[in-house]
Amino acid sequence: MIKSIFAVDTKGGIGKDGSLPWPKNTEDMKWFRWNTMGHVVVMGANTWFDPMMPKPLPGRTNVVVSNQELMMPEVIRLSGDFIPMLYQIEDDFPTKHLFIIGGKQIIEQTAHIVDEIVLTRFDTDYECDVIINIDSMLEQFELIESHQMETATYEIWKRII
């Protein structure tokens, strides 16, 4: 199963100045870890090279879509038309989910193949410079779970179309 997991602010913002726009959020980090641990995480080069990003994410198979060499043999690097390669990775890891974790280009390029969206919604405008049209993206999904926690709402959306 291919899933996207990401967080948005009130305006669909996902990034600012090349990194996450919100302060470190332990609750959201635990949610991300709980969902992705033991699975495959797929990210673009900008997400990979974010200085705040641990490299590689421990306990997960790390896949990076990039034309640049990564110098980390434990990371799977994809380049070019990577969508067919994602299906091959899905076949290679039949007991694991593939989680698209960012950034914007990768989330948008894979939106048509994603089965579920695991979404964190922060109730604050962080004045982001990277925005996703989340309402448009969710038109093909239905909300199947929602949990209001202390700092955010955590939602799971399943594709209906």
N, C-alpha and C. Protein backbone atom coordinates (compact mmCIF):
# COMPACT_ATOMS: atom_id res chain seq x y z
N MET A 1 0.84 -1.18 0.00
CA MET A 1 0.00 0.00 0.00
C MET A 1 0.89 1.24 0.00
N ILE A 2 0.51 2.22 -0.79
CA ILE A 2 1.25 3.47 -0.87
C ILE A 2 0.45 4.54 -0.15
N LYS A 3 1.11 5.22 0.78
CA LYS A 3 0.48 6.26 1.58
C LYS A 3 1.33 7.52 1.52
N SER A 4 0.67 8.67 1.74
CA SER A 4 1.40 9.92 1.97
C SER A 4 1.22 10.26 3.44
N ILE A 5 2.27 10.77 4.06
CA ILE A 5 2.16 11.25 5.43
C ILE A 5 2.85 12.61 5.49
N PHE A 6 2.07 13.61 5.91
CA PHE A 6 2.62 14.96 6.01
C PHE A 6 1.72 15.80 6.90
N ALA A 7 2.18 16.99 7.22
CA ALA A 7 1.44 17.91 8.08
C ALA A 7 1.20 19.20 7.32
N VAL A 8 0.09 19.87 7.65
CA VAL A 8 -0.24 21.15 7.05
C VAL A 8 -0.66 22.13 8.14
N ASP A 9 -0.45 23.42 7.84
CA ASP A 9 -1.00 24.46 8.72
C ASP A 9 -2.39 24.83 8.20
N THR A 10 -2.99 25.89 8.73
CA THR A 10 -4.36 26.25 8.36
C THR A 10 -4.52 26.62 6.90
N LYS A 11 -3.43 26.99 6.23
CA LYS A 11 -3.50 27.38 4.82
C LYS A 11 -2.90 26.34 3.88
N GLY A 12 -2.66 25.12 4.37
CA GLY A 12 -2.06 24.08 3.55
C GLY A 12 -0.55 24.17 3.47
N GLY A 13 0.05 24.99 4.33
CA GLY A 13 1.49 25.13 4.33
C GLY A 13 2.20 23.90 4.86
N ILE A 14 3.29 23.53 4.16
CA ILE A 14 4.07 22.37 4.61
C ILE A 14 5.54 22.70 4.83
N GLY A 15 5.97 23.88 4.39
CA GLY A 15 7.39 24.20 4.52
C GLY A 15 7.64 25.69 4.54
N LYS A 16 8.79 26.04 5.11
CA LYS A 16 9.22 27.43 5.15
C LYS A 16 10.73 27.47 5.24
N ASP A 17 11.35 28.24 4.34
CA ASP A 17 12.80 28.40 4.34
C ASP A 17 13.53 27.07 4.27
N GLY A 18 12.97 26.12 3.50
CA GLY A 18 13.65 24.85 3.27
C GLY A 18 13.52 23.81 4.37
N SER A 19 12.61 24.02 5.31
CA SER A 19 12.46 23.07 6.41
C SER A 19 11.00 23.09 6.89
N LEU A 20 10.75 22.38 7.97
CA LEU A 20 9.42 22.42 8.55
C LEU A 20 9.17 23.79 9.18
N PRO A 21 7.98 24.33 9.03
CA PRO A 21 7.72 25.70 9.50
C PRO A 21 7.37 25.79 10.99
N TRP A 22 6.96 24.71 11.60
CA TRP A 22 6.53 24.75 12.99
C TRP A 22 7.67 24.34 13.90
N PRO A 23 7.60 24.79 15.15
CA PRO A 23 8.63 24.36 16.11
C PRO A 23 8.58 22.85 16.30
N LYS A 24 9.67 22.30 16.79
CA LYS A 24 9.72 20.86 17.06
C LYS A 24 8.47 20.45 17.83
N ASN A 25 7.78 19.42 17.34
CA ASN A 25 6.52 18.98 17.93
C ASN A 25 6.63 17.50 18.26
N THR A 26 6.86 17.20 19.51
CA THR A 26 7.07 15.82 19.96
C THR A 26 5.88 14.94 19.65
N GLU A 27 4.67 15.47 19.85
CA GLU A 27 3.45 14.70 19.59
C GLU A 27 3.39 14.27 18.13
N ASP A 28 3.63 15.22 17.21
CA ASP A 28 3.58 14.90 15.79
C ASP A 28 4.72 13.96 15.40
N MET A 29 5.89 14.15 15.99
CA MET A 29 7.01 13.26 15.69
C MET A 29 6.70 11.83 16.12
N LYS A 30 6.03 11.67 17.25
CA LYS A 30 5.63 10.33 17.71
C LYS A 30 4.61 9.72 16.75
N TRP A 31 3.65 10.51 16.26
CA TRP A 31 2.64 10.05 15.29
C TRP A 31 3.33 9.59 14.00
N PHE A 32 4.27 10.41 13.51
CA PHE A 32 5.02 10.06 12.30
C PHE A 32 5.80 8.76 12.51
N ARG A 33 6.50 8.68 13.62
CA ARG A 33 7.30 7.48 13.91
C ARG A 33 6.42 6.25 14.04
N TRP A 34 5.30 6.37 14.77
CA TRP A 34 4.39 5.24 14.98
C TRP A 34 3.87 4.71 13.64
N ASN A 35 3.55 5.62 12.73
CA ASN A 35 3.02 5.20 11.43
C ASN A 35 4.08 4.62 10.51
N THR A 36 5.28 5.18 10.50
CA THR A 36 6.28 4.81 9.50
C THR A 36 7.30 3.77 9.95
N MET A 37 7.44 3.55 11.25
CA MET A 37 8.47 2.64 11.74
C MET A 37 8.31 1.25 11.14
N GLY A 38 9.42 0.73 10.62
CA GLY A 38 9.44 -0.60 10.02
C GLY A 38 8.98 -0.62 8.57
N HIS A 39 8.62 0.53 8.03
CA HIS A 39 8.12 0.59 6.67
C HIS A 39 9.13 1.31 5.75
N VAL A 40 8.70 1.66 4.57
CA VAL A 40 9.54 2.34 3.59
C VAL A 40 9.13 3.80 3.54
N VAL A 41 10.09 4.73 3.66
CA VAL A 41 9.81 6.15 3.53
C VAL A 41 10.45 6.66 2.24
N VAL A 42 9.66 7.41 1.47
CA VAL A 42 10.10 7.92 0.17
C VAL A 42 10.08 9.45 0.25
N MET A 43 11.20 10.05 -0.12
CA MET A 43 11.30 11.52 -0.03
C MET A 43 12.08 12.06 -1.21
N GLY A 44 11.87 13.35 -1.44
CA GLY A 44 12.63 14.05 -2.45
C GLY A 44 13.96 14.52 -1.89
N ALA A 45 14.79 15.03 -2.78
CA ALA A 45 16.13 15.47 -2.39
C ALA A 45 16.09 16.61 -1.38
N ASN A 46 15.17 17.57 -1.54
CA ASN A 46 15.12 18.69 -0.60
C ASN A 46 14.80 18.22 0.82
N THR A 47 13.90 17.24 0.93
CA THR A 47 13.59 16.68 2.25
C THR A 47 14.82 15.96 2.80
N TRP A 48 15.48 15.17 1.97
CA TRP A 48 16.67 14.43 2.39
C TRP A 48 17.77 15.38 2.88
N PHE A 49 17.99 16.46 2.14
CA PHE A 49 19.09 17.37 2.48
C PHE A 49 18.73 18.41 3.53
N ASP A 50 17.49 18.42 4.03
CA ASP A 50 17.10 19.33 5.11
C ASP A 50 18.02 19.04 6.31
N PRO A 51 18.69 20.06 6.84
CA PRO A 51 19.61 19.82 7.96
C PRO A 51 18.93 19.28 9.21
N MET A 52 17.62 19.46 9.32
CA MET A 52 16.89 18.94 10.49
C MET A 52 16.52 17.47 10.33
N MET A 53 16.73 16.91 9.15
CA MET A 53 16.34 15.54 8.85
C MET A 53 17.44 14.56 9.24
N PRO A 54 17.13 13.60 10.13
CA PRO A 54 18.13 12.55 10.42
C PRO A 54 18.35 11.72 9.16
N LYS A 55 19.59 11.35 8.91
CA LYS A 55 19.91 10.60 7.70
C LYS A 55 20.68 9.33 8.04
N PRO A 56 20.20 8.19 7.65
CA PRO A 56 18.84 7.90 7.20
C PRO A 56 17.89 7.86 8.39
N LEU A 57 16.58 7.87 8.11
CA LEU A 57 15.61 7.72 9.20
C LEU A 57 15.75 6.31 9.76
N PRO A 58 16.05 6.17 11.04
CA PRO A 58 16.31 4.84 11.60
C PRO A 58 15.06 3.96 11.63
N GLY A 59 15.28 2.65 11.45
CA GLY A 59 14.20 1.68 11.56
C GLY A 59 13.27 1.65 10.35
N ARG A 60 13.66 2.32 9.28
CA ARG A 60 12.86 2.39 8.07
C ARG A 60 13.76 2.21 6.86
N THR A 61 13.21 1.69 5.78
CA THR A 61 13.93 1.66 4.52
C THR A 61 13.78 3.03 3.89
N ASN A 62 14.89 3.70 3.64
CA ASN A 62 14.89 5.06 3.12
C ASN A 62 15.08 5.06 1.61
N VAL A 63 14.16 5.75 0.90
CA VAL A 63 14.22 5.90 -0.54
C VAL A 63 14.24 7.39 -0.84
N VAL A 64 15.21 7.82 -1.64
CA VAL A 64 15.34 9.24 -1.99
C VAL A 64 15.27 9.39 -3.50
N VAL A 65 14.37 10.28 -3.94
CA VAL A 65 14.26 10.60 -5.36
C VAL A 65 15.19 11.78 -5.61
N SER A 66 16.28 11.52 -6.32
CA SER A 66 17.29 12.56 -6.52
C SER A 66 18.19 12.20 -7.69
N ASN A 67 18.64 13.21 -8.41
CA ASN A 67 19.64 12.99 -9.45
C ASN A 67 21.05 13.04 -8.88
N GLN A 68 21.18 13.45 -7.62
CA GLN A 68 22.49 13.55 -6.97
C GLN A 68 22.86 12.23 -6.29
N GLU A 69 24.16 11.93 -6.29
CA GLU A 69 24.64 10.78 -5.54
C GLU A 69 24.48 11.07 -4.05
N LEU A 70 24.20 10.05 -3.25
CA LEU A 70 23.94 10.25 -1.82
C LEU A 70 25.05 9.77 -0.91
N MET A 71 25.92 8.92 -1.40
CA MET A 71 27.05 8.39 -0.61
C MET A 71 26.59 7.66 0.65
N MET A 72 25.43 7.04 0.60
CA MET A 72 24.95 6.23 1.71
C MET A 72 24.42 4.92 1.12
N PRO A 73 25.19 3.84 1.25
CA PRO A 73 24.79 2.59 0.59
C PRO A 73 23.48 2.01 1.12
N GLU A 74 23.07 2.39 2.33
CA GLU A 74 21.84 1.83 2.90
C GLU A 74 20.58 2.55 2.41
N VAL A 75 20.74 3.54 1.54
CA VAL A 75 19.63 4.31 1.01
C VAL A 75 19.40 3.93 -0.45
N ILE A 76 18.13 3.73 -0.82
CA ILE A 76 17.77 3.45 -2.21
C ILE A 76 17.55 4.80 -2.90
N ARG A 77 18.28 5.03 -3.98
CA ARG A 77 18.13 6.29 -4.72
C ARG A 77 17.40 6.01 -6.03
N LEU A 78 16.38 6.82 -6.30
CA LEU A 78 15.65 6.75 -7.56
C LEU A 78 15.85 8.05 -8.31
N SER A 79 15.82 7.98 -9.63
CA SER A 79 15.88 9.20 -10.42
C SER A 79 15.06 8.99 -11.69
N GLY A 80 14.81 10.08 -12.39
CA GLY A 80 14.04 9.98 -13.63
C GLY A 80 12.57 9.69 -13.34
N ASP A 81 11.96 8.85 -14.17
CA ASP A 81 10.55 8.48 -14.01
C ASP A 81 10.47 7.45 -12.87
N PHE A 82 10.27 7.94 -11.67
CA PHE A 82 10.37 7.08 -10.48
C PHE A 82 9.08 6.35 -10.12
N ILE A 83 7.94 6.71 -10.68
CA ILE A 83 6.66 6.08 -10.31
C ILE A 83 6.70 4.56 -10.55
N PRO A 84 7.13 4.08 -11.74
CA PRO A 84 7.21 2.62 -11.91
C PRO A 84 8.17 1.97 -10.91
N MET A 85 9.21 2.70 -10.52
CA MET A 85 10.16 2.16 -9.55
C MET A 85 9.52 2.01 -8.17
N LEU A 86 8.57 2.90 -7.84
CA LEU A 86 7.86 2.78 -6.56
C LEU A 86 7.04 1.49 -6.53
N TYR A 87 6.41 1.18 -7.65
CA TYR A 87 5.66 -0.08 -7.72
C TYR A 87 6.58 -1.28 -7.56
N GLN A 88 7.80 -1.19 -8.10
CA GLN A 88 8.77 -2.28 -7.94
C GLN A 88 9.19 -2.40 -6.48
N ILE A 89 9.42 -1.27 -5.81
CA ILE A 89 9.77 -1.30 -4.38
C ILE A 89 8.63 -1.89 -3.57
N GLU A 90 7.40 -1.54 -3.93
CA GLU A 90 6.23 -2.10 -3.25
C GLU A 90 6.23 -3.63 -3.39
N ASP A 91 6.57 -4.13 -4.58
CA ASP A 91 6.66 -5.58 -4.80
C ASP A 91 7.82 -6.19 -4.03
N ASP A 92 8.93 -5.46 -3.94
CA ASP A 92 10.12 -5.97 -3.25
C ASP A 92 9.93 -6.04 -1.73
N PHE A 93 9.03 -5.22 -1.19
CA PHE A 93 8.78 -5.18 0.25
C PHE A 93 7.28 -5.43 0.50
N PRO A 94 6.80 -6.64 0.23
CA PRO A 94 5.35 -6.90 0.26
C PRO A 94 4.71 -6.76 1.64
N THR A 95 5.48 -6.82 2.70
CA THR A 95 4.90 -6.70 4.04
C THR A 95 4.99 -5.28 4.60
N LYS A 96 5.51 -4.36 3.80
CA LYS A 96 5.69 -2.98 4.27
C LYS A 96 4.85 -2.01 3.45
N HIS A 97 4.47 -0.91 4.09
CA HIS A 97 3.82 0.18 3.39
C HIS A 97 4.88 1.14 2.89
N LEU A 98 4.60 1.80 1.77
CA LEU A 98 5.45 2.89 1.29
C LEU A 98 4.81 4.19 1.73
N PHE A 99 5.56 5.02 2.43
CA PHE A 99 5.08 6.32 2.89
C PHE A 99 5.81 7.42 2.12
N ILE A 100 5.06 8.22 1.38
CA ILE A 100 5.60 9.41 0.72
C ILE A 100 5.64 10.49 1.79
N ILE A 101 6.84 10.99 2.13
CA ILE A 101 6.93 11.92 3.27
C ILE A 101 7.25 13.35 2.86
N GLY A 102 7.49 13.61 1.60
CA GLY A 102 7.73 15.00 1.17
C GLY A 102 8.92 15.07 0.25
N GLY A 103 9.11 16.20 -0.25
CA GLY A 103 8.40 17.44 -0.15
C GLY A 103 7.26 17.57 -1.12
N LYS A 104 6.92 18.81 -1.38
CA LYS A 104 5.73 19.14 -2.16
C LYS A 104 5.72 18.44 -3.51
N GLN A 105 6.81 18.50 -4.26
CA GLN A 105 6.83 17.91 -5.60
C GLN A 105 6.55 16.41 -5.55
N ILE A 106 7.18 15.72 -4.63
CA ILE A 106 6.99 14.26 -4.53
C ILE A 106 5.55 13.96 -4.11
N ILE A 107 5.02 14.71 -3.15
CA ILE A 107 3.63 14.50 -2.72
C ILE A 107 2.68 14.71 -3.90
N GLU A 108 2.88 15.78 -4.65
CA GLU A 108 2.00 16.06 -5.78
C GLU A 108 2.19 15.07 -6.93
N GLN A 109 3.43 14.67 -7.20
CA GLN A 109 3.69 13.73 -8.30
C GLN A 109 3.14 12.34 -8.01
N THR A 110 2.98 11.99 -6.75
CA THR A 110 2.50 10.65 -6.39
C THR A 110 1.03 10.65 -5.96
N ALA A 111 0.39 11.80 -5.94
CA ALA A 111 -0.99 11.90 -5.42
C ALA A 111 -1.93 10.93 -6.13
N HIS A 112 -1.73 10.68 -7.41
CA HIS A 112 -2.63 9.81 -8.17
C HIS A 112 -2.45 8.32 -7.87
N ILE A 113 -1.37 7.94 -7.18
CA ILE A 113 -1.14 6.52 -6.88
C ILE A 113 -1.29 6.20 -5.40
N VAL A 114 -1.52 7.22 -4.59
CA VAL A 114 -1.59 7.04 -3.13
C VAL A 114 -2.95 6.45 -2.74
N ASP A 115 -2.91 5.42 -1.88
CA ASP A 115 -4.13 4.78 -1.40
C ASP A 115 -4.69 5.48 -0.16
N GLU A 116 -3.80 6.02 0.67
CA GLU A 116 -4.21 6.71 1.90
C GLU A 116 -3.34 7.94 2.13
N ILE A 117 -3.94 8.91 2.80
CA ILE A 117 -3.20 10.09 3.25
C ILE A 117 -3.30 10.12 4.77
N VAL A 118 -2.15 10.15 5.42
CA VAL A 118 -2.06 10.27 6.87
C VAL A 118 -1.66 11.72 7.13
N LEU A 119 -2.60 12.48 7.67
CA LEU A 119 -2.47 13.94 7.70
C LEU A 119 -2.50 14.48 9.12
N THR A 120 -1.55 15.37 9.39
CA THR A 120 -1.57 16.16 10.63
C THR A 120 -2.02 17.56 10.25
N ARG A 121 -2.99 18.07 11.00
CA ARG A 121 -3.45 19.45 10.77
C ARG A 121 -3.14 20.28 12.02
N PHE A 122 -2.30 21.30 11.81
CA PHE A 122 -2.02 22.26 12.87
C PHE A 122 -3.00 23.43 12.72
N ASP A 123 -3.53 23.90 13.82
CA ASP A 123 -4.53 24.97 13.82
C ASP A 123 -3.85 26.34 13.95
N THR A 124 -2.80 26.55 13.16
CA THR A 124 -2.04 27.79 13.17
C THR A 124 -1.57 28.08 11.76
N ASP A 125 -1.47 29.35 11.41
CA ASP A 125 -0.88 29.76 10.14
C ASP A 125 0.60 30.04 10.41
N TYR A 126 1.48 29.25 9.81
CA TYR A 126 2.92 29.41 10.02
C TYR A 126 3.58 30.23 8.92
N GLU A 127 2.78 30.92 8.09
CA GLU A 127 3.30 31.78 7.03
C GLU A 127 4.31 31.04 6.14
N CYS A 128 3.87 29.90 5.67
CA CYS A 128 4.73 29.01 4.87
C CYS A 128 4.99 29.58 3.48
N ASP A 129 6.12 29.16 2.92
CA ASP A 129 6.41 29.50 1.53
C ASP A 129 6.23 28.29 0.61
N VAL A 130 5.86 27.15 1.18
CA VAL A 130 5.52 25.95 0.40
C VAL A 130 4.12 25.53 0.82
N ILE A 131 3.20 25.56 -0.15
CA ILE A 131 1.78 25.31 0.12
C ILE A 131 1.29 24.17 -0.76
N ILE A 132 0.45 23.31 -0.18
CA ILE A 132 -0.24 22.26 -0.93
C ILE A 132 -1.73 22.61 -0.93
N ASN A 133 -2.40 22.40 -2.06
CA ASN A 133 -3.84 22.59 -2.11
C ASN A 133 -4.48 21.35 -1.51
N ILE A 134 -4.55 21.30 -0.20
CA ILE A 134 -4.99 20.10 0.50
C ILE A 134 -6.45 19.79 0.21
N ASP A 135 -7.30 20.80 0.08
CA ASP A 135 -8.72 20.54 -0.20
C ASP A 135 -8.89 19.84 -1.54
N SER A 136 -8.18 20.28 -2.56
CA SER A 136 -8.24 19.65 -3.87
C SER A 136 -7.70 18.22 -3.80
N MET A 137 -6.61 18.02 -3.08
CA MET A 137 -6.00 16.70 -2.96
C MET A 137 -6.95 15.70 -2.29
N LEU A 138 -7.70 16.17 -1.31
CA LEU A 138 -8.57 15.26 -0.54
C LEU A 138 -9.90 14.98 -1.23
N GLU A 139 -10.18 15.61 -2.37
CA GLU A 139 -11.45 15.38 -3.07
C GLU A 139 -11.66 13.93 -3.45
N GLN A 140 -10.61 13.18 -3.65
CA GLN A 140 -10.73 11.78 -4.04
C GLN A 140 -10.60 10.82 -2.86
N PHE A 141 -10.71 11.37 -1.66
CA PHE A 141 -10.53 10.57 -0.45
C PHE A 141 -11.69 10.80 0.50
N GLU A 142 -11.89 9.83 1.42
CA GLU A 142 -12.86 10.02 2.49
C GLU A 142 -12.15 9.87 3.82
N LEU A 143 -12.59 10.67 4.78
CA LEU A 143 -12.01 10.63 6.12
C LEU A 143 -12.48 9.35 6.82
N ILE A 144 -11.53 8.53 7.26
CA ILE A 144 -11.91 7.30 7.95
C ILE A 144 -11.54 7.31 9.43
N GLU A 145 -10.63 8.23 9.82
CA GLU A 145 -10.25 8.38 11.23
C GLU A 145 -9.84 9.80 11.50
N SER A 146 -10.18 10.29 12.69
CA SER A 146 -9.74 11.61 13.10
C SER A 146 -9.55 11.61 14.61
N HIS A 147 -8.41 12.11 15.06
CA HIS A 147 -8.10 12.16 16.49
C HIS A 147 -7.63 13.57 16.83
N GLN A 148 -8.37 14.24 17.68
CA GLN A 148 -7.94 15.55 18.15
C GLN A 148 -7.02 15.33 19.34
N MET A 149 -5.79 15.78 19.22
CA MET A 149 -4.83 15.63 20.30
C MET A 149 -4.52 17.02 20.84
N GLU A 150 -3.52 17.11 21.68
CA GLU A 150 -3.20 18.37 22.33
C GLU A 150 -2.76 19.46 21.35
N THR A 151 -1.91 19.11 20.40
CA THR A 151 -1.33 20.15 19.53
C THR A 151 -1.83 20.12 18.09
N ALA A 152 -2.58 19.09 17.70
CA ALA A 152 -2.99 18.95 16.30
C ALA A 152 -4.13 17.96 16.18
N THR A 153 -4.70 17.91 14.98
CA THR A 153 -5.67 16.87 14.64
C THR A 153 -4.97 15.90 13.70
N TYR A 154 -5.12 14.62 13.97
CA TYR A 154 -4.49 13.57 13.18
C TYR A 154 -5.59 12.84 12.42
N GLU A 155 -5.45 12.76 11.10
CA GLU A 155 -6.49 12.22 10.25
C GLU A 155 -5.93 11.15 9.31
N ILE A 156 -6.79 10.20 8.97
CA ILE A 156 -6.46 9.21 7.95
C ILE A 156 -7.56 9.25 6.90
N TRP A 157 -7.13 9.44 5.66
CA TRP A 157 -8.02 9.55 4.52
C TRP A 157 -7.77 8.38 3.58
N LYS A 158 -8.83 7.73 3.12
CA LYS A 158 -8.72 6.58 2.21
C LYS A 158 -9.29 6.96 0.85
N ARG A 159 -8.59 6.55 -0.21
CA ARG A 159 -9.04 6.86 -1.58
C ARG A 159 -10.40 6.21 -1.85
N ILE A 160 -11.31 6.98 -2.45
CA ILE A 160 -12.62 6.46 -2.83
C ILE A 160 -12.79 6.37 -4.33
N ILE A 161 -11.94 7.03 -5.08
CA ILE A 161 -12.05 7.02 -6.55
C ILE A 161 -10.90 6.25 -7.14
